[in-house]
C-alpha atoms as a PDB file:
ATOM      1  CA  UNK A   1     232.201 -45.192-107.324  1.00  0.00           C
ATOM      2  CA  UNK A   2     230.239 -44.567-104.424  1.00  0.00           C
ATOM      3  CA  UNK A   3     229.625 -40.381-105.388  1.00  0.00           C
ATOM      4  CA  UNK A   4     228.047 -42.095-108.826  1.00  0.00           C
ATOM      5  CA  UNK A   5     225.898 -44.689-106.600  1.00  0.00           C
ATOM      6  CA  UNK A   6     224.740 -42.636-104.462  1.00  0.00           C
ATOM      7  CA  UNK A   7     223.362 -40.546-107.451  1.00  0.00           C
ATOM      8  CA  UNK A   8     221.495 -43.257-108.973  1.00  0.00           C
ATOM      9  CA  UNK A   9     220.192 -44.923-105.835  1.00  0.00           C
ATOM     10  CA  UNK A  10     218.213 -41.288-105.183  1.00  0.00           C
ATOM     11  CA  UNK A  11     217.039 -41.486-109.169  1.00  0.00           C
ATOM     12  CA  UNK A  12     215.395 -44.858-108.135  1.00  0.00           C
ATOM     13  CA  UNK A  13     213.997 -43.585-105.364  1.00  0.00           C
ATOM     14  CA  UNK A  14     212.488 -40.974-106.514  1.00  0.00           C
ATOM     15  CA  UNK A  15     211.534 -42.413-109.417  1.00  0.00           C
ATOM     16  CA  UNK A  16     209.314 -44.514-107.342  1.00  0.00           C
ATOM     17  CA  UNK A  17     208.145 -42.514-105.228  1.00  0.00           C
ATOM     18  CA  UNK A  18     207.104 -40.448-107.637  1.00  0.00           C
ATOM     19  CA  UNK A  19     204.734 -43.747-108.630  1.00  0.00           C
ATOM     20  CA  UNK A  20     202.858 -43.471-105.545  1.00  0.00           C
ATOM     21  CA  UNK A  21     200.571 -46.362-105.248  1.00  0.00           C
ATOM     22  CA  UNK A  22     200.348 -46.899-109.025  1.00  0.00           C
ATOM     23  CA  UNK A  23     200.656 -49.525-109.004  1.00  0.00           C
ATOM     24  CA  UNK A  24     201.182 -50.977-112.202  1.00  0.00           C
ATOM     25  CA  UNK A  25     203.861 -47.692-113.294  1.00  0.00           C
ATOM     26  CA  UNK A  26     205.613 -48.885-109.856  1.00  0.00           C
ATOM     27  CA  UNK A  27     205.973 -52.740-110.774  1.00  0.00           C
ATOM     28  CA  UNK A  28     206.912 -51.232-114.205  1.00  0.00           C
ATOM     29  CA  UNK A  29     209.534 -48.688-113.408  1.00  0.00           C
ATOM     30  CA  UNK A  30     210.963 -51.670-110.919  1.00  0.00           C
ATOM     31  CA  UNK A  31     211.078 -54.149-113.388  1.00  0.00           C
ATOM     32  CA  UNK A  32     212.868 -51.587-116.312  1.00  0.00           C
ATOM     33  CA  UNK A  33     215.289 -49.711-113.357  1.00  0.00           C
ATOM     34  CA  UNK A  34     216.071 -53.826-112.214  1.00  0.00           C
ATOM     35  CA  UNK A  35     217.318 -55.233-115.752  1.00  0.00           C
ATOM     36  CA  UNK A  36     219.492 -51.110-116.387  1.00  0.00           C
ATOM     37  CA  UNK A  37     221.356 -52.061-112.697  1.00  0.00           C
ATOM     38  CA  UNK A  38     221.997 -56.298-113.000  1.00  0.00           C
ATOM     39  CA  UNK A  39     225.538 -55.646-114.284  1.00  0.00           C
ATOM     40  CA  UNK A  40     226.320 -53.586-111.431  1.00  0.00           C
ATOM     41  CA  UNK A  41     226.398 -53.790-107.273  1.00  0.00           C
ATOM     42  CA  UNK A  42     224.137 -50.801-107.522  1.00  0.00           C
ATOM     43  CA  UNK A  43     221.184 -52.730-105.438  1.00  0.00           C
ATOM     44  CA  UNK A  44     223.266 -54.157-102.384  1.00  0.00           C
ATOM     45  CA  UNK A  45     224.464 -51.375-102.368  1.00  0.00           C
ATOM     46  CA  UNK A  46     221.726 -49.339-101.534  1.00  0.00           C
ATOM     47  CA  UNK A  47     220.597 -52.420 -99.554  1.00  0.00           C
ATOM     48  CA  UNK A  48     223.499 -52.087 -97.351  1.00  0.00           C
ATOM     49  CA  UNK A  49     222.268 -48.464 -97.183  1.00  0.00           C
ATOM     50  CA  UNK A  50     218.862 -48.330 -96.074  1.00  0.00           C
ATOM     51  CA  UNK A  51     218.958 -52.257 -94.859  1.00  0.00           C
ATOM     52  CA  UNK A  52     215.640 -51.822 -93.051  1.00  0.00           C
ATOM     53  CA  UNK A  53     213.938 -49.957 -95.934  1.00  0.00           C
ATOM     54  CA  UNK A  54     211.657 -51.516 -98.222  1.00  0.00           C
ATOM     55  CA  UNK A  55     212.113 -50.103-101.677  1.00  0.00           C
ATOM     56  CA  UNK A  56     215.875 -51.098-101.146  1.00  0.00           C
ATOM     57  CA  UNK A  57     215.286 -54.610-100.276  1.00  0.00           C
ATOM     58  CA  UNK A  58     212.678 -55.324-102.864  1.00  0.00           C
ATOM     59  CA  UNK A  59     214.751 -54.087-105.300  1.00  0.00           C
ATOM     60  CA  UNK A  60     217.509 -56.164-104.907  1.00  0.00           C
ATOM     61  CA  UNK A  61     215.322 -59.514-105.261  1.00  0.00           C
ATOM     62  CA  UNK A  62     214.141 -58.057-108.409  1.00  0.00           C
ATOM     63  CA  UNK A  63     217.797 -57.332-109.537  1.00  0.00           C
ATOM     64  CA  UNK A  64     218.287 -61.271-107.731  1.00  0.00           C
ATOM     65  CA  UNK A  65     215.504 -61.991-109.933  1.00  0.00           C
ATOM     66  CA  UNK A  66     216.562 -60.491-113.290  1.00  0.00           C
ATOM     67  CA  UNK A  67     220.035 -62.151-112.857  1.00  0.00           C
ATOM     68  CA  UNK A  68     218.253 -66.087-112.141  1.00  0.00           C
ATOM     69  CA  UNK A  69     217.056 -65.155-115.391  1.00  0.00           C
ATOM     70  CA  UNK A  70     219.981 -64.731-117.286  1.00  0.00           C
ATOM     71  CA  UNK A  71     221.810 -67.919-115.090  1.00  0.00           C
ATOM     72  CA  UNK A  72     218.378 -70.792-115.019  1.00  0.00           C
ATOM     73  CA  UNK A  73     218.887 -70.488-111.033  1.00  0.00           C
ATOM     74  CA  UNK A  74     218.896 -67.791-108.392  1.00  0.00           C
ATOM     75  CA  UNK A  75     221.843 -67.954-106.935  1.00  0.00           C
ATOM     76  CA  UNK A  76     220.644 -67.619-103.418  1.00  0.00           C
ATOM     77  CA  UNK A  77     217.409 -67.535-103.702  1.00  0.00           C
ATOM     78  CA  UNK A  78     216.703 -67.744 -99.453  1.00  0.00           C
ATOM     79  CA  UNK A  79     218.133 -64.005 -99.086  1.00  0.00           C
ATOM     80  CA  UNK A  80     216.086 -63.418-102.180  1.00  0.00           C
ATOM     81  CA  UNK A  81     212.729 -64.865-100.815  1.00  0.00           C
ATOM     82  CA  UNK A  82     213.934 -62.700 -97.470  1.00  0.00           C
ATOM     83  CA  UNK A  83     213.871 -59.831 -99.273  1.00  0.00           C
ATOM     84  CA  UNK A  84     210.601 -59.869-100.720  1.00  0.00           C
ATOM     85  CA  UNK A  85     208.383 -61.085 -97.429  1.00  0.00           C
ATOM     86  CA  UNK A  86     210.560 -57.956 -95.493  1.00  0.00           C
ATOM     87  CA  UNK A  87     209.339 -55.499 -98.760  1.00  0.00           C
ATOM     88  CA  UNK A  88     205.690 -57.122 -98.249  1.00  0.00           C
ATOM     89  CA  UNK A  89     205.382 -56.951 -94.052  1.00  0.00           C
ATOM     90  CA  UNK A  90     206.727 -53.100 -94.193  1.00  0.00           C
ATOM     91  CA  UNK A  91     204.215 -52.231 -97.154  1.00  0.00           C
ATOM     92  CA  UNK A  92     201.250 -55.075 -96.398  1.00  0.00           C
ATOM     93  CA  UNK A  93     199.328 -52.778 -99.250  1.00  0.00           C
ATOM     94  CA  UNK A  94     201.855 -52.908-101.961  1.00  0.00           C
ATOM     95  CA  UNK A  95     201.116 -56.525-104.167  1.00  0.00           C
ATOM     96  CA  UNK A  96     204.990 -55.722-105.709  1.00  0.00           C
ATOM     97  CA  UNK A  97     206.879 -58.015-103.254  1.00  0.00           C
ATOM     98  CA  UNK A  98     204.940 -60.803-104.441  1.00  0.00           C
ATOM     99  CA  UNK A  99     205.582 -59.869-108.362  1.00  0.00           C
ATOM    100  CA  UNK A 100     208.675 -60.543-107.746  1.00  0.00           C
ATOM    101  CA  UNK A 101     208.028 -63.520-105.158  1.00  0.00           C
ATOM    102  CA  UNK A 102     206.249 -64.892-108.188  1.00  0.00           C
ATOM    103  CA  UNK A 103     209.009 -64.442-110.445  1.00  0.00           C
ATOM    104  CA  UNK A 104     211.400 -65.705-107.830  1.00  0.00           C
ATOM    105  CA  UNK A 105     209.211 -68.806-107.631  1.00  0.00           C
ATOM    106  CA  UNK A 106     209.363 -69.359-111.272  1.00  0.00           C
ATOM    107  CA  UNK A 107     212.563 -68.982-111.699  1.00  0.00           C
ATOM    108  CA  UNK A 108     213.437 -71.946-109.031  1.00  0.00           C
ATOM    109  CA  UNK A 109     210.524 -74.221-110.207  1.00  0.00           C
ATOM    110  CA  UNK A 110     208.504 -74.392-107.363  1.00  0.00           C
ATOM    111  CA  UNK A 111     206.104 -76.455-106.837  1.00  0.00           C
ATOM    112  CA  UNK A 112     202.283 -74.930-108.649  1.00  0.00           C
ATOM    113  CA  UNK A 113     200.663 -74.326-104.719  1.00  0.00           C
ATOM    114  CA  UNK A 114     203.173 -72.093-104.014  1.00  0.00           C
ATOM    115  CA  UNK A 115     203.564 -70.219-107.345  1.00  0.00           C
ATOM    116  CA  UNK A 116     199.200 -69.746-106.850  1.00  0.00           C
ATOM    117  CA  UNK A 117     199.623 -68.853-103.370  1.00  0.00           C
ATOM    118  CA  UNK A 118     201.564 -65.201-104.326  1.00  0.00           C
ATOM    119  CA  UNK A 119     199.455 -65.197-107.767  1.00  0.00           C
ATOM    120  CA  UNK A 120     196.695 -64.689-104.557  1.00  0.00           C
ATOM    121  CA  UNK A 121     198.451 -62.366-102.961  1.00  0.00           C
ATOM    122  CA  UNK A 122     199.293 -60.129-105.967  1.00  0.00           C
ATOM    123  CA  UNK A 123     195.841 -59.833-107.389  1.00  0.00           C
ATOM    124  CA  UNK A 124     193.573 -59.923-104.050  1.00  0.00           C
ATOM    125  CA  UNK A 125     195.742 -56.269-103.840  1.00  0.00           C
ATOM    126  CA  UNK A 126     196.389 -55.607-107.813  1.00  0.00           C
ATOM    127  CA  UNK A 127     193.434 -57.461-109.723  1.00  0.00           C
ATOM    128  CA  UNK A 128     195.151 -57.474-113.100  1.00  0.00           C
ATOM    129  CA  UNK A 129     198.612 -57.087-112.497  1.00  0.00           C
ATOM    130  CA  UNK A 130     200.534 -57.649-115.902  1.00  0.00           C
ATOM    131  CA  UNK A 131     204.015 -59.043-114.759  1.00  0.00           C
ATOM    132  CA  UNK A 132     202.538 -61.836-112.309  1.00  0.00           C
ATOM    133  CA  UNK A 133     199.616 -63.149-114.861  1.00  0.00           C
ATOM    134  CA  UNK A 134     202.557 -62.941-117.596  1.00  0.00           C
ATOM    135  CA  UNK A 135     204.824 -64.920-114.910  1.00  0.00           C
ATOM    136  CA  UNK A 136     202.359 -67.617-114.098  1.00  0.00           C
ATOM    137  CA  UNK A 137     201.441 -67.394-118.312  1.00  0.00           C
ATOM    138  CA  UNK A 138     204.928 -68.363-118.640  1.00  0.00           C
ATOM    139  CA  UNK A 139     205.071 -71.293-115.552  1.00  0.00           C
ATOM    140  CA  UNK A 140     201.961 -73.041-116.810  1.00  0.00           C
ATOM    141  CA  UNK A 141     203.858 -73.303-119.741  1.00  0.00           C
ATOM    142  CA  UNK A 142     204.966 -76.601-121.289  1.00  0.00           C
ATOM    143  CA  UNK A 143     208.819 -75.123-121.501  1.00  0.00           C
ATOM    144  CA  UNK A 144     208.557 -75.190-117.777  1.00  0.00           C
ATOM    145  CA  UNK A 145     206.184 -76.734-114.458  1.00  0.00           C
ATOM    146  CA  UNK A 146     202.933 -76.761-116.644  1.00  0.00           C
ATOM    147  CA  UNK A 147     201.389 -78.174-119.890  1.00  0.00           C
ATOM    148  CA  UNK A 148     199.400 -76.435-122.809  1.00  0.00           C
ATOM    149  CA  UNK A 149     196.148 -77.678-121.656  1.00  0.00           C
ATOM    150  CA  UNK A 150     196.888 -76.086-118.369  1.00  0.00           C
ATOM    151  CA  UNK A 151     197.927 -72.631-119.785  1.00  0.00           C
ATOM    152  CA  UNK A 152     195.196 -72.937-122.254  1.00  0.00           C
ATOM    153  CA  UNK A 153     192.764 -73.288-118.607  1.00  0.00           C
ATOM    154  CA  UNK A 154     194.753 -70.100-117.339  1.00  0.00           C
ATOM    155  CA  UNK A 155     194.136 -67.984-120.717  1.00  0.00           C
ATOM    156  CA  UNK A 156     191.092 -68.736-120.740  1.00  0.00           C
ATOM    157  CA  UNK A 157     190.375 -67.595-117.319  1.00  0.00           C
ATOM    158  CA  UNK A 158     191.971 -64.327-117.481  1.00  0.00           C
ATOM    159  CA  UNK A 159     189.999 -63.857-121.139  1.00  0.00           C
ATOM    160  CA  UNK A 160     186.415 -64.624-119.862  1.00  0.00           C
ATOM    161  CA  UNK A 161     187.023 -61.588-117.147  1.00  0.00           C
ATOM    162  CA  UNK A 162     189.597 -59.093-118.232  1.00  0.00           C
ATOM    163  CA  UNK A 163     189.111 -55.348-118.957  1.00  0.00           C
ATOM    164  CA  UNK A 164     189.312 -54.585-122.099  1.00  0.00           C
ATOM    165  CA  UNK A 165     192.128 -51.642-121.175  1.00  0.00           C
ATOM    166  CA  UNK A 166     193.194 -53.566-118.400  1.00  0.00           C
ATOM    167  CA  UNK A 167     196.855 -54.257-118.032  1.00  0.00           C
ATOM    168  CA  UNK A 168     196.915 -58.076-118.439  1.00  0.00           C
ATOM    169  CA  UNK A 169     194.380 -57.713-121.429  1.00  0.00           C
ATOM    170  CA  UNK A 170     197.284 -58.779-123.211  1.00  0.00           C
ATOM    171  CA  UNK A 171     197.732 -62.374-121.927  1.00  0.00           C
ATOM    172  CA  UNK A 172     196.416 -64.408-124.575  1.00  0.00           C
ATOM    173  CA  UNK A 173     198.010 -62.777-127.777  1.00  0.00           C
ATOM    174  CA  UNK A 174     201.336 -63.473-124.758  1.00  0.00           C
ATOM    175  CA  UNK A 175     200.221 -66.609-125.286  1.00  0.00           C
ATOM    176  CA  UNK A 176     199.826 -66.936-129.195  1.00  0.00           C
ATOM    177  CA  UNK A 177     203.198 -65.204-129.606  1.00  0.00           C
ATOM    178  CA  UNK A 178     204.991 -67.775-127.113  1.00  0.00           C
ATOM    179  CA  UNK A 179     203.108 -69.938-129.282  1.00  0.00           C
ATOM    180  CA  UNK A 180     204.013 -68.851-132.533  1.00  0.00           C
ATOM    181  CA  UNK A 181     208.419 -68.756-130.704  1.00  0.00           C
ATOM    182  CA  UNK A 182     207.264 -73.020-130.034  1.00  0.00           C
ATOM    183  CA  UNK A 183     207.088 -73.797-133.261  1.00  0.00           C
ATOM    184  CA  UNK A 184     209.461 -72.267-134.916  1.00  0.00           C
ATOM    185  CA  UNK A 185     212.012 -73.469-132.411  1.00  0.00           C
ATOM    186  CA  UNK A 186     211.235 -76.942-133.318  1.00  0.00           C
ATOM    187  CA  UNK A 187     212.552 -76.265-136.798  1.00  0.00           C
ATOM    188  CA  UNK A 188     211.462 -78.848-139.663  1.00  0.00           C
ATOM    189  CA  UNK A 189     209.040 -78.377-142.062  1.00  0.00           C
ATOM    190  CA  UNK A 190     206.879 -76.979-138.600  1.00  0.00           C
ATOM    191  CA  UNK A 191     209.059 -74.065-138.526  1.00  0.00           C
ATOM    192  CA  UNK A 192     208.328 -73.260-142.461  1.00  0.00           C
ATOM    193  CA  UNK A 193     204.003 -73.481-141.669  1.00  0.00           C
ATOM    194  CA  UNK A 194     204.832 -71.386-138.249  1.00  0.00           C
ATOM    195  CA  UNK A 195     202.635 -68.307-140.196  1.00  0.00           C
ATOM    196  CA  UNK A 196     199.432 -70.915-140.177  1.00  0.00           C
ATOM    197  CA  UNK A 197     199.333 -70.323-136.396  1.00  0.00           C
ATOM    198  CA  UNK A 198     197.988 -67.199-137.272  1.00  0.00           C
ATOM    199  CA  UNK A 199     195.031 -67.557-139.795  1.00  0.00           C
ATOM    200  CA  UNK A 200     193.270 -70.189-137.335  1.00  0.00           C
ATOM    201  CA  UNK A 201     190.195 -69.317-135.212  1.00  0.00           C
ATOM    202  CA  UNK A 202     191.647 -68.564-131.906  1.00  0.00           C
ATOM    203  CA  UNK A 203     194.212 -66.321-133.759  1.00  0.00           C
ATOM    204  CA  UNK A 204     191.837 -64.771-135.998  1.00  0.00           C
ATOM    205  CA  UNK A 205     189.079 -63.695-132.846  1.00  0.00           C
ATOM    206  CA  UNK A 206     192.215 -63.013-130.711  1.00  0.00           C
ATOM    207  CA  UNK A 207     193.822 -60.496-133.756  1.00  0.00           C
ATOM    208  CA  UNK A 208     190.502 -59.056-134.187  1.00  0.00           C
ATOM    209  CA  UNK A 209     189.026 -58.598-130.938  1.00  0.00           C
ATOM    210  CA  UNK A 210     192.712 -56.927-130.246  1.00  0.00           C
ATOM    211  CA  UNK A 211     192.340 -54.638-133.309  1.00  0.00           C
ATOM    212  CA  UNK A 212     188.693 -53.117-132.551  1.00  0.00           C
ATOM    213  CA  UNK A 213     190.392 -51.097-129.493  1.00  0.00           C
ATOM    214  CA  UNK A 214     193.607 -51.721-128.755  1.00  0.00           C
ATOM    215  CA  UNK A 215     195.081 -48.818-131.881  1.00  0.00           C
ATOM    216  CA  UNK A 216     192.601 -46.562-130.483  1.00  0.00           C
ATOM    217  CA  UNK A 217     194.719 -43.121-128.802  1.00  0.00           C
ATOM    218  CA  UNK A 218     194.026 -43.778-125.319  1.00  0.00           C
ATOM    219  CA  UNK A 219     192.772 -47.173-124.774  1.00  0.00           C
ATOM    220  CA  UNK A 220     195.972 -48.860-123.535  1.00  0.00           C
ATOM    221  CA  UNK A 221     196.938 -46.941-120.905  1.00  0.00           C
ATOM    222  CA  UNK A 222     198.888 -48.908-118.378  1.00  0.00           C
ATOM    223  CA  UNK A 223     202.882 -48.675-118.367  1.00  0.00           C
ATOM    224  CA  UNK A 224     203.980 -51.399-120.438  1.00  0.00           C
ATOM    225  CA  UNK A 225     201.265 -50.511-123.247  1.00  0.00           C
ATOM    226  CA  UNK A 226     204.192 -50.043-125.902  1.00  0.00           C
ATOM    227  CA  UNK A 227     205.063 -53.117-125.626  1.00  0.00           C
ATOM    228  CA  UNK A 228     201.941 -55.112-125.612  1.00  0.00           C
ATOM    229  CA  UNK A 229     201.387 -52.523-128.957  1.00  0.00           C
ATOM    230  CA  UNK A 230     204.629 -54.590-130.857  1.00  0.00           C
ATOM    231  CA  UNK A 231     203.152 -57.339-129.840  1.00  0.00           C
ATOM    232  CA  UNK A 232     200.014 -56.640-131.472  1.00  0.00           C
ATOM    233  CA  UNK A 233     202.007 -54.967-134.386  1.00  0.00           C
ATOM    234  CA  UNK A 234     204.038 -58.140-134.869  1.00  0.00           C
ATOM    235  CA  UNK A 235     201.234 -60.702-135.050  1.00  0.00           C
ATOM    236  CA  UNK A 236     199.508 -58.917-137.641  1.00  0.00           C
ATOM    237  CA  UNK A 237     202.477 -58.847-139.767  1.00  0.00           C
ATOM    238  CA  UNK A 238     202.910 -62.927-138.284  1.00  0.00           C
ATOM    239  CA  UNK A 239     199.501 -63.589-139.727  1.00  0.00           C
ATOM    240  CA  UNK A 240     199.951 -61.425-142.973  1.00  0.00           C
ATOM    241  CA  UNK A 241     197.712 -58.743-141.331  1.00  0.00           C
ATOM    242  CA  UNK A 242     199.711 -55.990-142.257  1.00  0.00           C
ATOM    243  CA  UNK A 243     198.358 -53.682-144.001  1.00  0.00           C
ATOM    244  CA  UNK A 244     195.660 -53.278-141.182  1.00  0.00           C
ATOM    245  CA  UNK A 245     198.651 -53.044-138.562  1.00  0.00           C
ATOM    246  CA  UNK A 246     199.301 -48.849-139.965  1.00  0.00           C
ATOM    247  CA  UNK A 247     197.399 -47.759-136.604  1.00  0.00           C
ATOM    248  CA  UNK A 248     199.562 -49.968-134.145  1.00  0.00           C
ATOM    249  CA  UNK A 249     202.579 -48.620-135.541  1.00  0.00           C
ATOM    250  CA  UNK A 250     201.228 -45.209-135.860  1.00  0.00           C
ATOM    251  CA  UNK A 251     201.052 -44.911-131.683  1.00  0.00           C
ATOM    252  CA  UNK A 252     204.755 -46.889-131.258  1.00  0.00           C
ATOM    253  CA  UNK A 253     206.042 -44.396-133.583  1.00  0.00           C
ATOM    254  CA  UNK A 254     209.539 -45.305-132.843  1.00  0.00           C
ATOM    255  CA  UNK A 255     209.098 -47.054-129.911  1.00  0.00           C
ATOM    256  CA  UNK A 256     210.424 -51.125-130.654  1.00  0.00           C
ATOM    257  CA  UNK A 257     210.492 -53.951-127.607  1.00  0.00           C
ATOM    258  CA  UNK A 258     213.256 -56.165-127.925  1.00  0.00           C
ATOM    259  CA  UNK A 259     211.034 -58.792-127.767  1.00  0.00           C
ATOM    260  CA  UNK A 260     209.080 -60.539-130.044  1.00  0.00           C
ATOM    261  CA  UNK A 261     210.296 -58.910-132.633  1.00  0.00           C
ATOM    262  CA  UNK A 262     213.761 -60.608-131.878  1.00  0.00           C
ATOM    263  CA  UNK A 263     211.873 -63.805-133.007  1.00  0.00           C
ATOM    264  CA  UNK A 264     212.400 -63.049-136.695  1.00  0.00           C
ATOM    265  CA  UNK A 265     215.797 -61.443-136.946  1.00  0.00           C
ATOM    266  CA  UNK A 266     217.078 -58.131-135.435  1.00  0.00           C
ATOM    267  CA  UNK A 267     214.921 -56.642-134.081  1.00  0.00           C
ATOM    268  CA  UNK A 268     215.249 -53.200-135.219  1.00  0.00           C
ATOM    269  CA  UNK A 269     215.408 -53.909-138.234  1.00  0.00           C
ATOM    270  CA  UNK A 270     212.474 -55.483-138.596  1.00  0.00           C
ATOM    271  CA  UNK A 271     210.141 -52.990-136.418  1.00  0.00           C
ATOM    272  CA  UNK A 272     211.797 -51.340-139.354  1.00  0.00           C
ATOM    273  CA  UNK A 273     211.150 -52.871-141.897  1.00  0.00           C
ATOM    274  CA  UNK A 274     207.542 -53.771-140.956  1.00  0.00           C
ATOM    275  CA  UNK A 275     206.526 -50.274-139.827  1.00  0.00           C
ATOM    276  CA  UNK A 276     207.802 -48.445-143.558  1.00  0.00           C
ATOM    277  CA  UNK A 277     205.468 -50.769-145.299  1.00  0.00           C
ATOM    278  CA  UNK A 278     202.646 -48.547-143.556  1.00  0.00           C
END
């Protein structure tokens, strides 16, 4: 209903305005809201209502990105890219239009030069933007347009410079969980032995480093901190270190994310089971 759509648009606008120039929180809110709005015509309705405003252009582009991820292709890549450039022109200091463009280019499997150019636009405005780093990490994977060695090079570059509480601090752990999913998906004997991955030197180092600070109250303050803590809890469980996950589960309370728990079954049941062990 048009009246309900107007109310929802006002709510979205208010949430984005409240985020201000906190680029991390702004991107997180847009991501969550776009996922929720993807099944509806809300984004198009807002853009038609305010066709020259930056936020409606950006929101529609992100909604189309969500749909593109689900479909495996962009339905109208040219229009979505144009929306990103329109928002970028209107908001020259905002990295978010470039974050969305990066995601769209990834779905399109565009040339790596285009991806790195968009990534540079993001990081020149917001050095440790979480969404941009994760988009490039997945693009560089062997499942998409890269290779394991190329992805590892990117991870090592990030690890060498990322501050311990930056929004992109979870890049290397994300790469390890992606590798877990990759091995499990192969089936056969490799899938049965997937937990061995978590006892090798690299995985042990990453988990030990995260355990130093991540479970400390107030250390991770970026908008998706709970998602990264879910990542850590999952990895500790897979590594057979569930006893060390108590502090992490304590910070999470009852906040479970679908990924990565869905890799081993129903995410809520998996989360609740392992939380009950602490």
